Amino acid sequence: MSLNKSFFLVLLMTLATGAHALETDQFIATRIVIKDSSDVINQYFDRQIDLALDSANSKHPEKIKCSAVADKVMNNLVGRFSISKISMFAKKSPEVDKFPDSSVSDRQYFKMTFYEKADVLLKIAPLARTINLNGIYMGTDKLGHFALIGRNYYHNYLSYKKDGLTSDEAMTKAILKGFATERGLLGYAVGGVLSFGDLEANYEGMKFAIDLCEGENPYLVFKDGRFEKNQNNSFNLKTYFNPRMDESFHFSFWRPGLYKRVKEKLAKEYCETKNDPMFLERISKYPALVENLNDRLIKKTILSVEKFDRSLEDVEKFCGNALNK
């Protein structure tokens, strides 16, 4: 693929998906104390749910499917023109602590990261800054993936269910379709990065949308002719945002050409991080991960493909060999 064609595709991707930030560098934030913004983001979610309920209840709510209300919640998180409203809120709000803060320009931040020597394709959209949600460090881009791509997954899930598939079958097909997109236009094939943290955020966004209306204890119920919040089950982001979204804890894959450009600084950042007391203390408090459907499908359809460099899974080998590749 020529550089001009790649540039055009990434530009189109940025405009079409509303990706406010394409990538992130969590390593440079490992020694920074970032205040937990869980309460602020939880309140943001609650406001968007309330707005969706007000809209649904304003005209003939009895004629509206709950899935349409769930879709409205996701649309509220995404915003108009599919511009990742929630990640922009996290980046700009003074209530959300982040690194680097807003006094550092996107250009300055880019030069701070291991992507500094990446080609022009990764300079089109600003890098995501690191925030703290319930003690877990992650890029603001994870909020965007949760809302925007999670909404896309949800649309596909509903479509597959309409075709007669079970919920589990529909979820699986929606995830696999998302993988194809992430490995193509949205990630590895063009931008050069396959982020497992992004894949997790996509999946969790779909799960949230499903949980709004489905299951034994959904977040929304229809009662006395109106949609309302289920008083027995309140949203809390810790249900969905987890350590897989910390890319200093849960590695990505980089395309060989990009990897050659970033490996020297990436290796330095990583090798300084892996034994850092602040980093080790923080991840020691991360909740244990239980394998989910997304993990199983990643193993089956992505990690089994030989073209991905599995040396990045072996952190000691990566740390020792990265500068010699």
C-alpha atoms as a PDB file:
ATOM      1  CA  MET A   1       0.000   0.000   0.000  1.00  0.00           C
ATOM      2  CA  SER A   2       1.475   3.380  -1.001  1.00  0.00           C
ATOM      3  CA  LEU A   3       1.997   6.093   1.595  1.00  0.00           C
ATOM      4  CA  ASN A   4      -0.480   8.399  -0.167  1.00  0.00           C
ATOM      5  CA  LYS A   5      -3.131   5.711  -0.214  1.00  0.00           C
ATOM      6  CA  SER A   6      -2.460   4.843   3.436  1.00  0.00           C
ATOM      7  CA  PHE A   7      -2.640   8.510   4.405  1.00  0.00           C
ATOM      8  CA  PHE A   8      -5.985   8.856   2.650  1.00  0.00           C
ATOM      9  CA  LEU A   9      -7.353   5.747   4.330  1.00  0.00           C
ATOM     10  CA  VAL A  10      -6.336   6.879   7.812  1.00  0.00           C
ATOM     11  CA  LEU A  11      -7.786  10.339   7.174  1.00  0.00           C
ATOM     12  CA  LEU A  12     -11.019   8.741   5.976  1.00  0.00           C
ATOM     13  CA  MET A  13     -11.000   6.451   9.000  1.00  0.00           C
ATOM     14  CA  THR A  14     -10.538   9.375  11.375  1.00  0.00           C
ATOM     15  CA  LEU A  15     -13.430  11.291   9.857  1.00  0.00           C
ATOM     16  CA  ALA A  16     -15.727   8.327   9.390  1.00  0.00           C
ATOM     17  CA  THR A  17     -15.314   6.772  12.824  1.00  0.00           C
ATOM     18  CA  GLY A  18     -14.906   9.912  14.851  1.00  0.00           C
ATOM     19  CA  ALA A  19     -11.859   8.413  16.542  1.00  0.00           C
ATOM     20  CA  HIS A  20     -10.745  11.328  18.690  1.00  0.00           C
ATOM     21  CA  ALA A  21      -7.474   9.547  19.435  1.00  0.00           C
ATOM     22  CA  LEU A  22      -6.055   6.551  17.614  1.00  0.00           C
ATOM     23  CA  GLU A  23      -3.302   5.328  19.945  1.00  0.00           C
ATOM     24  CA  THR A  24      -1.858   5.879  23.408  1.00  0.00           C
ATOM     25  CA  ASP A  25       1.381   5.472  25.363  1.00  0.00           C
ATOM     26  CA  GLN A  26       0.671   4.294  28.901  1.00  0.00           C
ATOM     27  CA  PHE A  27       4.326   3.673  29.757  1.00  0.00           C
ATOM     28  CA  ILE A  28       5.225   7.325  30.240  1.00  0.00           C
ATOM     29  CA  ALA A  29       2.471   7.692  32.829  1.00  0.00           C
ATOM     30  CA  THR A  30       3.509   4.816  35.086  1.00  0.00           C
ATOM     31  CA  ARG A  31       5.426   7.057  37.515  1.00  0.00           C
ATOM     32  CA  ILE A  32       2.744   9.749  37.549  1.00  0.00           C
ATOM     33  CA  VAL A  33       0.109   9.922  40.263  1.00  0.00           C
ATOM     34  CA  ILE A  34      -3.231  10.395  38.466  1.00  0.00           C
ATOM     35  CA  LYS A  35      -6.342  10.945  40.547  1.00  0.00           C
ATOM     36  CA  ASP A  36      -9.193   8.474  40.152  1.00  0.00           C
ATOM     37  CA  SER A  37     -11.905   9.947  37.910  1.00  0.00           C
ATOM     38  CA  SER A  38     -14.412   7.120  38.360  1.00  0.00           C
ATOM     39  CA  ASP A  39     -17.004   9.301  40.061  1.00  0.00           C
ATOM     40  CA  VAL A  40     -16.867  11.936  37.323  1.00  0.00           C
ATOM     41  CA  ILE A  41     -17.170   9.389  34.506  1.00  0.00           C
ATOM     42  CA  ASN A  42     -19.908   7.450  36.321  1.00  0.00           C
ATOM     43  CA  GLN A  43     -21.865  10.691  36.634  1.00  0.00           C
ATOM     44  CA  TYR A  44     -21.314  11.345  32.933  1.00  0.00           C
ATOM     45  CA  PHE A  45     -22.785   7.940  32.076  1.00  0.00           C
ATOM     46  CA  ASP A  46     -25.738   8.588  34.390  1.00  0.00           C
ATOM     47  CA  ARG A  47     -26.489  11.900  32.658  1.00  0.00           C
ATOM     48  CA  GLN A  48     -26.510  10.268  29.237  1.00  0.00           C
ATOM     49  CA  ILE A  49     -28.824   7.511  30.475  1.00  0.00           C
ATOM     50  CA  ASP A  50     -31.154  10.116  31.989  1.00  0.00           C
ATOM     51  CA  LEU A  51     -31.224  12.083  28.724  1.00  0.00           C
ATOM     52  CA  ALA A  52     -32.077   8.935  26.774  1.00  0.00           C
ATOM     53  CA  LEU A  53     -34.889   8.114  29.194  1.00  0.00           C
ATOM     54  CA  ASP A  54     -36.296  11.646  28.970  1.00  0.00           C
ATOM     55  CA  SER A  55     -36.282  11.411  25.182  1.00  0.00           C
ATOM     56  CA  ALA A  56     -37.925   7.969  25.155  1.00  0.00           C
ATOM     57  CA  ASN A  57     -40.618   8.987  27.630  1.00  0.00           C
ATOM     58  CA  SER A  58     -41.473  12.256  25.898  1.00  0.00           C
ATOM     59  CA  LYS A  59     -43.639  10.651  23.197  1.00  0.00           C
ATOM     60  CA  HIS A  60     -45.474   7.305  23.318  1.00  0.00           C
ATOM     61  CA  PRO A  61     -42.882   5.265  25.237  1.00  0.00           C
ATOM     62  CA  GLU A  62     -45.162   2.229  24.989  1.00  0.00           C
ATOM     63  CA  LYS A  63     -44.397   2.097  21.279  1.00  0.00           C
ATOM     64  CA  ILE A  64     -40.621   2.150  21.745  1.00  0.00           C
ATOM     65  CA  LYS A  65     -38.441  -0.936  22.080  1.00  0.00           C
ATOM     66  CA  CYS A  66     -35.989  -0.920  24.960  1.00  0.00           C
ATOM     67  CA  SER A  67     -33.188  -1.647  22.491  1.00  0.00           C
ATOM     68  CA  ALA A  68     -33.945   1.724  20.874  1.00  0.00           C
ATOM     69  CA  VAL A  69     -33.473   3.399  24.257  1.00  0.00           C
ATOM     70  CA  ALA A  70     -30.182   1.533  24.698  1.00  0.00           C
ATOM     71  CA  ASP A  71     -29.101   2.748  21.277  1.00  0.00           C
ATOM     72  CA  LYS A  72     -29.996   6.300  22.311  1.00  0.00           C
ATOM     73  CA  VAL A  73     -27.761   5.956  25.378  1.00  0.00           C
ATOM     74  CA  MET A  74     -24.874   4.864  23.157  1.00  0.00           C
ATOM     75  CA  ASN A  75     -25.588   7.707  20.717  1.00  0.00           C
ATOM     76  CA  ASN A  76     -25.456  10.167  23.608  1.00  0.00           C
ATOM     77  CA  LEU A  77     -22.033   8.842  24.603  1.00  0.00           C
ATOM     78  CA  VAL A  78     -20.810   9.131  21.034  1.00  0.00           C
ATOM     79  CA  GLY A  79     -22.314  12.497  20.182  1.00  0.00           C
ATOM     80  CA  ARG A  80     -23.236  14.090  16.867  1.00  0.00           C
ATOM     81  CA  PHE A  81     -21.374  13.145  13.698  1.00  0.00           C
ATOM     82  CA  SER A  82     -19.892  10.127  15.538  1.00  0.00           C
ATOM     83  CA  ILE A  83     -17.281  12.280  17.255  1.00  0.00           C
ATOM     84  CA  SER A  84     -16.261  10.453  20.400  1.00  0.00           C
ATOM     85  CA  LYS A  85     -18.027  12.774  22.812  1.00  0.00           C
ATOM     86  CA  ILE A  86     -17.146  10.902  25.978  1.00  0.00           C
ATOM     87  CA  SER A  87     -13.417  10.692  25.220  1.00  0.00           C
ATOM     88  CA  MET A  88     -13.402  14.392  24.299  1.00  0.00           C
ATOM     89  CA  PHE A  89     -15.099  15.115  27.629  1.00  0.00           C
ATOM     90  CA  ALA A  90     -12.407  13.137  29.452  1.00  0.00           C
ATOM     91  CA  LYS A  91      -9.654  14.970  27.584  1.00  0.00           C
ATOM     92  CA  LYS A  92     -11.049  18.479  28.113  1.00  0.00           C
ATOM     93  CA  SER A  93     -12.839  18.349  31.473  1.00  0.00           C
ATOM     94  CA  PRO A  94     -10.888  19.905  34.365  1.00  0.00           C
ATOM     95  CA  GLU A  95     -12.694  17.403  36.600  1.00  0.00           C
ATOM     96  CA  VAL A  96     -10.856  14.502  34.936  1.00  0.00           C
ATOM     97  CA  ASP A  97      -7.227  14.244  36.001  1.00  0.00           C
ATOM     98  CA  LYS A  98      -4.986  13.097  33.166  1.00  0.00           C
ATOM     99  CA  PHE A  99      -1.401  12.845  31.989  1.00  0.00           C
ATOM    100  CA  PRO A 100      -0.211  14.891  30.360  1.00  0.00           C
ATOM    101  CA  ASP A 101      -2.594  17.675  31.351  1.00  0.00           C
ATOM    102  CA  SER A 102      -4.071  20.241  28.962  1.00  0.00           C
ATOM    103  CA  SER A 103      -1.072  22.569  29.326  1.00  0.00           C
ATOM    104  CA  VAL A 104       0.836  20.138  27.076  1.00  0.00           C
ATOM    105  CA  SER A 105      -0.108  20.405  23.401  1.00  0.00           C
ATOM    106  CA  ASP A 106      -0.895  17.351  21.294  1.00  0.00           C
ATOM    107  CA  ARG A 107       2.301  17.964  19.322  1.00  0.00           C
ATOM    108  CA  GLN A 108       4.410  18.166  22.483  1.00  0.00           C
ATOM    109  CA  TYR A 109       2.770  15.039  23.854  1.00  0.00           C
ATOM    110  CA  PHE A 110       3.458  13.106  20.660  1.00  0.00           C
ATOM    111  CA  LYS A 111       7.169  13.877  20.967  1.00  0.00           C
ATOM    112  CA  MET A 112       7.154  12.602  24.562  1.00  0.00           C
ATOM    113  CA  THR A 113       5.893   9.147  23.555  1.00  0.00           C
ATOM    114  CA  PHE A 114       7.503   6.102  21.974  1.00  0.00           C
ATOM    115  CA  TYR A 115       5.536   6.981  18.818  1.00  0.00           C
ATOM    116  CA  GLU A 116       7.796  10.008  18.328  1.00  0.00           C
ATOM    117  CA  LYS A 117       9.512   8.490  15.277  1.00  0.00           C
ATOM    118  CA  ALA A 118       6.400   6.892  13.806  1.00  0.00           C
ATOM    119  CA  ASP A 119       5.488   7.882  10.272  1.00  0.00           C
ATOM    120  CA  VAL A 120       2.918  10.505   9.364  1.00  0.00           C
ATOM    121  CA  LEU A 121       0.004   8.067   9.529  1.00  0.00           C
ATOM    122  CA  LEU A 122      -0.026   8.183  13.315  1.00  0.00           C
ATOM    123  CA  LYS A 123       0.233  11.963  13.445  1.00  0.00           C
ATOM    124  CA  ILE A 124      -3.181  12.636  11.942  1.00  0.00           C
ATOM    125  CA  ALA A 125      -5.165  12.188  15.150  1.00  0.00           C
ATOM    126  CA  PRO A 126      -3.861  13.154  18.611  1.00  0.00           C
ATOM    127  CA  LEU A 127      -2.683  10.448  20.971  1.00  0.00           C
ATOM    128  CA  ALA A 128      -4.932   9.580  23.903  1.00  0.00           C
ATOM    129  CA  ARG A 129      -3.910  10.814  27.332  1.00  0.00           C
ATOM    130  CA  THR A 130      -3.842   8.565  30.372  1.00  0.00           C
ATOM    131  CA  ILE A 131      -6.573   8.665  33.013  1.00  0.00           C
ATOM    132  CA  ASN A 132      -7.300   6.636  36.138  1.00  0.00           C
ATOM    133  CA  LEU A 133     -10.593   4.762  36.377  1.00  0.00           C
ATOM    134  CA  ASN A 134     -11.067   2.822  39.589  1.00  0.00           C
ATOM    135  CA  GLY A 135      -7.304   2.537  40.051  1.00  0.00           C
ATOM    136  CA  ILE A 136      -6.673   1.326  36.494  1.00  0.00           C
ATOM    137  CA  TYR A 137      -4.630   3.494  34.124  1.00  0.00           C
ATOM    138  CA  MET A 138      -5.867   3.662  30.529  1.00  0.00           C
ATOM    139  CA  GLY A 139      -6.043   6.030  27.575  1.00  0.00           C
ATOM    140  CA  THR A 140      -9.062   8.256  26.989  1.00  0.00           C
ATOM    141  CA  ASP A 141      -9.387   6.419  23.669  1.00  0.00           C
ATOM    142  CA  LYS A 142     -10.815   3.429  25.575  1.00  0.00           C
ATOM    143  CA  LEU A 143     -13.885   5.516  26.404  1.00  0.00           C
ATOM    144  CA  GLY A 144     -14.292   6.274  22.709  1.00  0.00           C
ATOM    145  CA  HIS A 145     -13.927   2.639  21.725  1.00  0.00           C
ATOM    146  CA  PHE A 146     -16.408   1.628  24.421  1.00  0.00           C
ATOM    147  CA  ALA A 147     -19.016   4.060  23.116  1.00  0.00           C
ATOM    148  CA  LEU A 148     -18.463   4.294  19.364  1.00  0.00           C
ATOM    149  CA  ILE A 149     -17.226   0.841  18.390  1.00  0.00           C
ATOM    150  CA  GLY A 150     -19.255  -0.745  21.191  1.00  0.00           C
ATOM    151  CA  ARG A 151     -22.324   0.818  19.596  1.00  0.00           C
ATOM    152  CA  ASN A 152     -21.339  -0.650  16.230  1.00  0.00           C
ATOM    153  CA  TYR A 153     -20.929  -4.079  17.831  1.00  0.00           C
ATOM    154  CA  TYR A 154     -24.363  -3.656  19.416  1.00  0.00           C
ATOM    155  CA  HIS A 155     -25.982  -2.813  16.093  1.00  0.00           C
ATOM    156  CA  ASN A 156     -24.469  -5.955  14.585  1.00  0.00           C
ATOM    157  CA  TYR A 157     -25.558  -7.994  17.610  1.00  0.00           C
ATOM    158  CA  LEU A 158     -29.177  -6.834  17.197  1.00  0.00           C
ATOM    159  CA  SER A 159     -29.052  -7.560  13.474  1.00  0.00           C
ATOM    160  CA  TYR A 160     -27.779 -11.094  14.053  1.00  0.00           C
ATOM    161  CA  LYS A 161     -30.462 -11.722  16.692  1.00  0.00           C
ATOM    162  CA  LYS A 162     -33.081 -10.495  14.254  1.00  0.00           C
ATOM    163  CA  ASP A 163     -31.786 -13.139  11.833  1.00  0.00           C
ATOM    164  CA  GLY A 164     -32.605 -15.807  14.398  1.00  0.00           C
ATOM    165  CA  LEU A 165     -29.295 -16.294  16.201  1.00  0.00           C
ATOM    166  CA  THR A 166     -29.149 -16.794  19.963  1.00  0.00           C
ATOM    167  CA  SER A 167     -27.665 -14.046  22.119  1.00  0.00           C
ATOM    168  CA  ASP A 168     -24.371 -15.925  22.477  1.00  0.00           C
ATOM    169  CA  GLU A 169     -24.169 -16.619  18.753  1.00  0.00           C
ATOM    170  CA  ALA A 170     -24.983 -12.991  17.942  1.00  0.00           C
ATOM    171  CA  MET A 171     -22.331 -11.712  20.342  1.00  0.00           C
ATOM    172  CA  THR A 172     -19.720 -14.013  18.827  1.00  0.00           C
ATOM    173  CA  LYS A 173     -20.467 -12.913  15.279  1.00  0.00           C
ATOM    174  CA  ALA A 174     -20.489  -9.248  16.286  1.00  0.00           C
ATOM    175  CA  ILE A 175     -17.081  -9.618  17.968  1.00  0.00           C
ATOM    176  CA  LEU A 176     -15.562 -11.430  15.003  1.00  0.00           C
ATOM    177  CA  LYS A 177     -16.822  -8.767  12.633  1.00  0.00           C
ATOM    178  CA  GLY A 178     -15.242  -6.176  14.914  1.00  0.00           C
ATOM    179  CA  PHE A 179     -11.934  -8.053  14.858  1.00  0.00           C
ATOM    180  CA  ALA A 180     -11.920  -7.902  11.070  1.00  0.00           C
ATOM    181  CA  THR A 181     -12.400  -4.132  11.208  1.00  0.00           C
ATOM    182  CA  GLU A 182      -9.736  -3.607  13.890  1.00  0.00           C
ATOM    183  CA  ARG A 183      -7.239  -5.710  11.967  1.00  0.00           C
ATOM    184  CA  GLY A 184      -8.056  -3.730   8.849  1.00  0.00           C
ATOM    185  CA  LEU A 185      -9.123  -0.117   8.457  1.00  0.00           C
ATOM    186  CA  LEU A 186      -9.237   0.781  12.153  1.00  0.00           C
ATOM    187  CA  GLY A 187      -5.932  -0.635  13.254  1.00  0.00           C
ATOM    188  CA  TYR A 188      -3.228  -3.044  12.238  1.00  0.00           C
ATOM    189  CA  ALA A 189      -3.393  -2.935   8.448  1.00  0.00           C
ATOM    190  CA  VAL A 190      -3.238   0.851   8.140  1.00  0.00           C
ATOM    191  CA  GLY A 191      -2.227   2.434  11.442  1.00  0.00           C
ATOM    192  CA  GLY A 192       0.134  -0.415  12.286  1.00  0.00           C
ATOM    193  CA  VAL A 193      -1.189  -1.175  15.786  1.00  0.00           C
ATOM    194  CA  LEU A 194      -3.429  -3.982  16.946  1.00  0.00           C
ATOM    195  CA  SER A 195      -4.508  -2.990  20.442  1.00  0.00           C
ATOM    196  CA  PHE A 196      -5.982  -5.715  22.606  1.00  0.00           C
ATOM    197  CA  GLY A 197      -7.056  -2.967  24.992  1.00  0.00           C
ATOM    198  CA  ASP A 198      -9.136  -1.464  22.186  1.00  0.00           C
ATOM    199  CA  LEU A 199     -10.681  -4.844  21.417  1.00  0.00           C
ATOM    200  CA  GLU A 200     -11.631  -5.229  25.067  1.00  0.00           C
ATOM    201  CA  ALA A 201     -13.186  -1.745  25.178  1.00  0.00           C
ATOM    202  CA  ASN A 202     -15.190  -2.518  22.019  1.00  0.00           C
ATOM    203  CA  TYR A 203     -16.493  -5.729  23.561  1.00  0.00           C
ATOM    204  CA  GLU A 204     -17.317  -4.161  26.920  1.00  0.00           C
ATOM    205  CA  GLY A 205     -19.215  -1.362  25.184  1.00  0.00           C
ATOM    206  CA  MET A 206     -21.417  -3.923  23.466  1.00  0.00           C
ATOM    207  CA  LYS A 207     -21.922  -5.744  26.774  1.00  0.00           C
ATOM    208  CA  PHE A 208     -23.018  -2.495  28.421  1.00  0.00           C
ATOM    209  CA  ALA A 209     -25.514  -1.776  25.631  1.00  0.00           C
ATOM    210  CA  ILE A 210     -26.930  -5.297  25.971  1.00  0.00           C
ATOM    211  CA  ASP A 211     -27.091  -5.022  29.758  1.00  0.00           C
ATOM    212  CA  LEU A 212     -29.206  -1.886  29.509  1.00  0.00           C
ATOM    213  CA  CYS A 213     -32.210  -3.952  28.458  1.00  0.00           C
ATOM    214  CA  GLU A 214     -31.411  -7.664  28.598  1.00  0.00           C
ATOM    215  CA  GLY A 215     -30.649 -10.222  31.277  1.00  0.00           C
ATOM    216  CA  GLU A 216     -32.210 -10.943  34.653  1.00  0.00           C
ATOM    217  CA  ASN A 217     -31.405  -7.516  36.095  1.00  0.00           C
ATOM    218  CA  PRO A 218     -31.120  -4.898  33.296  1.00  0.00           C
ATOM    219  CA  TYR A 219     -30.287  -1.276  33.973  1.00  0.00           C
ATOM    220  CA  LEU A 220     -33.538  -0.092  32.354  1.00  0.00           C
ATOM    221  CA  VAL A 221     -37.087  -1.300  33.001  1.00  0.00           C
ATOM    222  CA  PHE A 222     -40.499  -0.397  31.597  1.00  0.00           C
ATOM    223  CA  LYS A 223     -42.831   0.377  34.488  1.00  0.00           C
ATOM    224  CA  ASP A 224     -46.204   2.132  34.674  1.00  0.00           C
ATOM    225  CA  GLY A 225     -46.008   3.138  31.012  1.00  0.00           C
ATOM    226  CA  ARG A 226     -42.528   4.647  31.243  1.00  0.00           C
ATOM    227  CA  PHE A 227     -38.899   3.630  30.912  1.00  0.00           C
ATOM    228  CA  GLU A 228     -36.907   4.168  34.076  1.00  0.00           C
ATOM    229  CA  LYS A 229     -33.704   3.122  35.797  1.00  0.00           C
ATOM    230  CA  ASN A 230     -33.783  -0.180  37.618  1.00  0.00           C
ATOM    231  CA  GLN A 231     -33.408   0.759  41.283  1.00  0.00           C
ATOM    232  CA  ASN A 232     -31.922  -2.673  41.986  1.00  0.00           C
ATOM    233  CA  ASN A 233     -29.039  -2.331  39.533  1.00  0.00           C
ATOM    234  CA  SER A 234     -27.132   0.910  39.079  1.00  0.00           C
ATOM    235  CA  PHE A 235     -24.420   1.385  36.464  1.00  0.00           C
ATOM    236  CA  ASN A 236     -20.835   1.362  37.693  1.00  0.00           C
ATOM    237  CA  LEU A 237     -17.975   1.559  35.214  1.00  0.00           C
ATOM    238  CA  LYS A 238     -15.879  -0.913  37.221  1.00  0.00           C
ATOM    239  CA  THR A 239     -18.129  -3.628  35.767  1.00  0.00           C
ATOM    240  CA  TYR A 240     -16.709  -2.928  32.319  1.00  0.00           C
ATOM    241  CA  PHE A 241     -13.421  -1.018  32.521  1.00  0.00           C
ATOM    242  CA  ASN A 242     -10.677  -3.430  33.509  1.00  0.00           C
ATOM    243  CA  PRO A 243      -6.881  -3.970  33.433  1.00  0.00           C
ATOM    244  CA  ARG A 244      -6.948  -5.268  29.863  1.00  0.00           C
ATOM    245  CA  MET A 245      -7.377  -1.610  28.829  1.00  0.00           C
ATOM    246  CA  ASP A 246      -4.046  -0.562  30.359  1.00  0.00           C
ATOM    247  CA  GLU A 247      -1.647  -0.947  27.433  1.00  0.00           C
ATOM    248  CA  SER A 248       1.399  -0.918  29.714  1.00  0.00           C
ATOM    249  CA  PHE A 249      -0.103  -4.005  31.374  1.00  0.00           C
ATOM    250  CA  HIS A 250      -1.743  -5.641  28.351  1.00  0.00           C
ATOM    251  CA  PHE A 251       0.525  -5.355  25.311  1.00  0.00           C
ATOM    252  CA  SER A 252      -0.464  -4.436  21.779  1.00  0.00           C
ATOM    253  CA  PHE A 253       1.014  -5.769  18.526  1.00  0.00           C
ATOM    254  CA  TRP A 254       2.848  -3.447  16.166  1.00  0.00           C
ATOM    255  CA  ARG A 255       3.283  -3.978  12.448  1.00  0.00           C
ATOM    256  CA  PRO A 256       6.980  -4.735  11.670  1.00  0.00           C
ATOM    257  CA  GLY A 257       7.570  -1.468   9.825  1.00  0.00           C
ATOM    258  CA  LEU A 258       6.159   0.624  12.659  1.00  0.00           C
ATOM    259  CA  TYR A 259       7.829  -1.543  15.277  1.00  0.00           C
ATOM    260  CA  LYS A 260      11.257  -0.804  13.789  1.00  0.00           C
ATOM    261  CA  ARG A 261      10.580   2.909  14.142  1.00  0.00           C
ATOM    262  CA  VAL A 262       9.374   2.806  17.727  1.00  0.00           C
ATOM    263  CA  LYS A 263      11.201  -0.176  19.239  1.00  0.00           C
ATOM    264  CA  GLU A 264      14.185   1.689  20.712  1.00  0.00           C
ATOM    265  CA  LYS A 265      12.118   4.149  22.731  1.00  0.00           C
ATOM    266  CA  LEU A 266       9.422   1.553  23.424  1.00  0.00           C
ATOM    267  CA  ALA A 267      12.013  -0.844  24.845  1.00  0.00           C
ATOM    268  CA  LYS A 268      13.500   1.879  27.028  1.00  0.00           C
ATOM    269  CA  GLU A 269      10.091   2.895  28.379  1.00  0.00           C
ATOM    270  CA  TYR A 270       8.970  -0.664  28.958  1.00  0.00           C
ATOM    271  CA  CYS A 271      12.198  -1.904  30.540  1.00  0.00           C
ATOM    272  CA  GLU A 272      12.208   1.053  32.926  1.00  0.00           C
ATOM    273  CA  THR A 273       8.564   0.406  33.768  1.00  0.00           C
ATOM    274  CA  LYS A 274       8.411  -3.317  34.405  1.00  0.00           C
ATOM    275  CA  ASN A 275      10.318  -3.189  37.703  1.00  0.00           C
ATOM    276  CA  ASP A 276       9.214   0.269  38.786  1.00  0.00           C
ATOM    277  CA  PRO A 277       7.812   0.160  42.366  1.00  0.00           C
ATOM    278  CA  MET A 278       4.895   2.500  41.574  1.00  0.00           C
ATOM    279  CA  PHE A 279       3.881   0.420  38.571  1.00  0.00           C
ATOM    280  CA  LEU A 280       4.200  -2.870  40.465  1.00  0.00           C
ATOM    281  CA  GLU A 281       2.201  -1.553  43.399  1.00  0.00           C
ATOM    282  CA  ARG A 282      -0.581  -0.303  41.146  1.00  0.00           C
ATOM    283  CA  ILE A 283      -0.956  -3.475  39.077  1.00  0.00           C
ATOM    284  CA  SER A 284      -0.824  -5.579  42.258  1.00  0.00           C
ATOM    285  CA  LYS A 285      -4.170  -3.978  43.109  1.00  0.00           C
ATOM    286  CA  TYR A 286      -5.708  -4.668  39.697  1.00  0.00           C
ATOM    287  CA  PRO A 287      -8.635  -7.093  39.952  1.00  0.00           C
ATOM    288  CA  ALA A 288      -7.939 -10.624  38.751  1.00  0.00           C
ATOM    289  CA  LEU A 289      -8.990 -11.229  35.165  1.00  0.00           C
ATOM    290  CA  VAL A 290     -11.360 -14.069  34.349  1.00  0.00           C
ATOM    291  CA  GLU A 291     -11.270 -15.215  30.729  1.00  0.00           C
ATOM    292  CA  ASN A 292     -14.233 -13.859  28.787  1.00  0.00           C
ATOM    293  CA  LEU A 293     -15.687 -14.484  25.341  1.00  0.00           C
ATOM    294  CA  ASN A 294     -13.525 -11.767  23.821  1.00  0.00           C
ATOM    295  CA  ASP A 295     -10.353 -13.396  25.237  1.00  0.00           C
ATOM    296  CA  ARG A 296     -11.321 -16.782  23.853  1.00  0.00           C
ATOM    297  CA  LEU A 297     -11.982 -15.407  20.390  1.00  0.00           C
ATOM    298  CA  ILE A 298      -8.692 -13.465  20.398  1.00  0.00           C
ATOM    299  CA  LYS A 299      -6.819 -16.682  21.179  1.00  0.00           C
ATOM    300  CA  LYS A 300      -8.691 -18.602  18.516  1.00  0.00           C
ATOM    301  CA  THR A 301      -8.661 -16.106  15.651  1.00  0.00           C
ATOM    302  CA  ILE A 302      -5.778 -13.686  16.288  1.00  0.00           C
ATOM    303  CA  LEU A 303      -3.040 -15.180  18.466  1.00  0.00           C
ATOM    304  CA  SER A 304      -3.144 -18.388  16.444  1.00  0.00           C
ATOM    305  CA  VAL A 305      -2.121 -16.493  13.307  1.00  0.00           C
ATOM    306  CA  GLU A 306       1.640 -16.808  12.860  1.00  0.00           C
ATOM    307  CA  LYS A 307       2.232 -13.406  11.273  1.00  0.00           C
ATOM    308  CA  PHE A 308       1.838 -11.754  14.682  1.00  0.00           C
ATOM    309  CA  ASP A 309       5.136 -11.462  16.535  1.00  0.00           C
ATOM    310  CA  ARG A 310       4.566 -13.393  19.740  1.00  0.00           C
ATOM    311  CA  SER A 311       7.908 -12.255  21.167  1.00  0.00           C
ATOM    312  CA  LEU A 312       5.907  -9.299  22.469  1.00  0.00           C
ATOM    313  CA  GLU A 313       4.023 -11.661  24.759  1.00  0.00           C
ATOM    314  CA  ASP A 314       7.295 -12.690  26.426  1.00  0.00           C
ATOM    315  CA  VAL A 315       8.112  -9.503  28.286  1.00  0.00           C
ATOM    316  CA  GLU A 316      11.567 -10.587  29.413  1.00  0.00           C
ATOM    317  CA  LYS A 317      12.568 -11.575  25.888  1.00  0.00           C
ATOM    318  CA  PHE A 318      11.083  -8.365  24.536  1.00  0.00           C
ATOM    319  CA  CYS A 319      12.991  -6.280  27.043  1.00  0.00           C
ATOM    320  CA  GLY A 320      16.239  -8.091  26.330  1.00  0.00           C
ATOM    321  CA  ASN A 321      16.015  -8.285  22.554  1.00  0.00           C
ATOM    322  CA  ALA A 322      14.092  -5.241  21.359  1.00  0.00           C
ATOM    323  CA  LEU A 323      17.180  -3.094  20.805  1.00  0.00           C
ATOM    324  CA  ASN A 324      18.912  -5.831  18.825  1.00  0.00           C
ATOM    325  CA  LYS A 325      16.140  -6.570  16.315  1.00  0.00           C
END
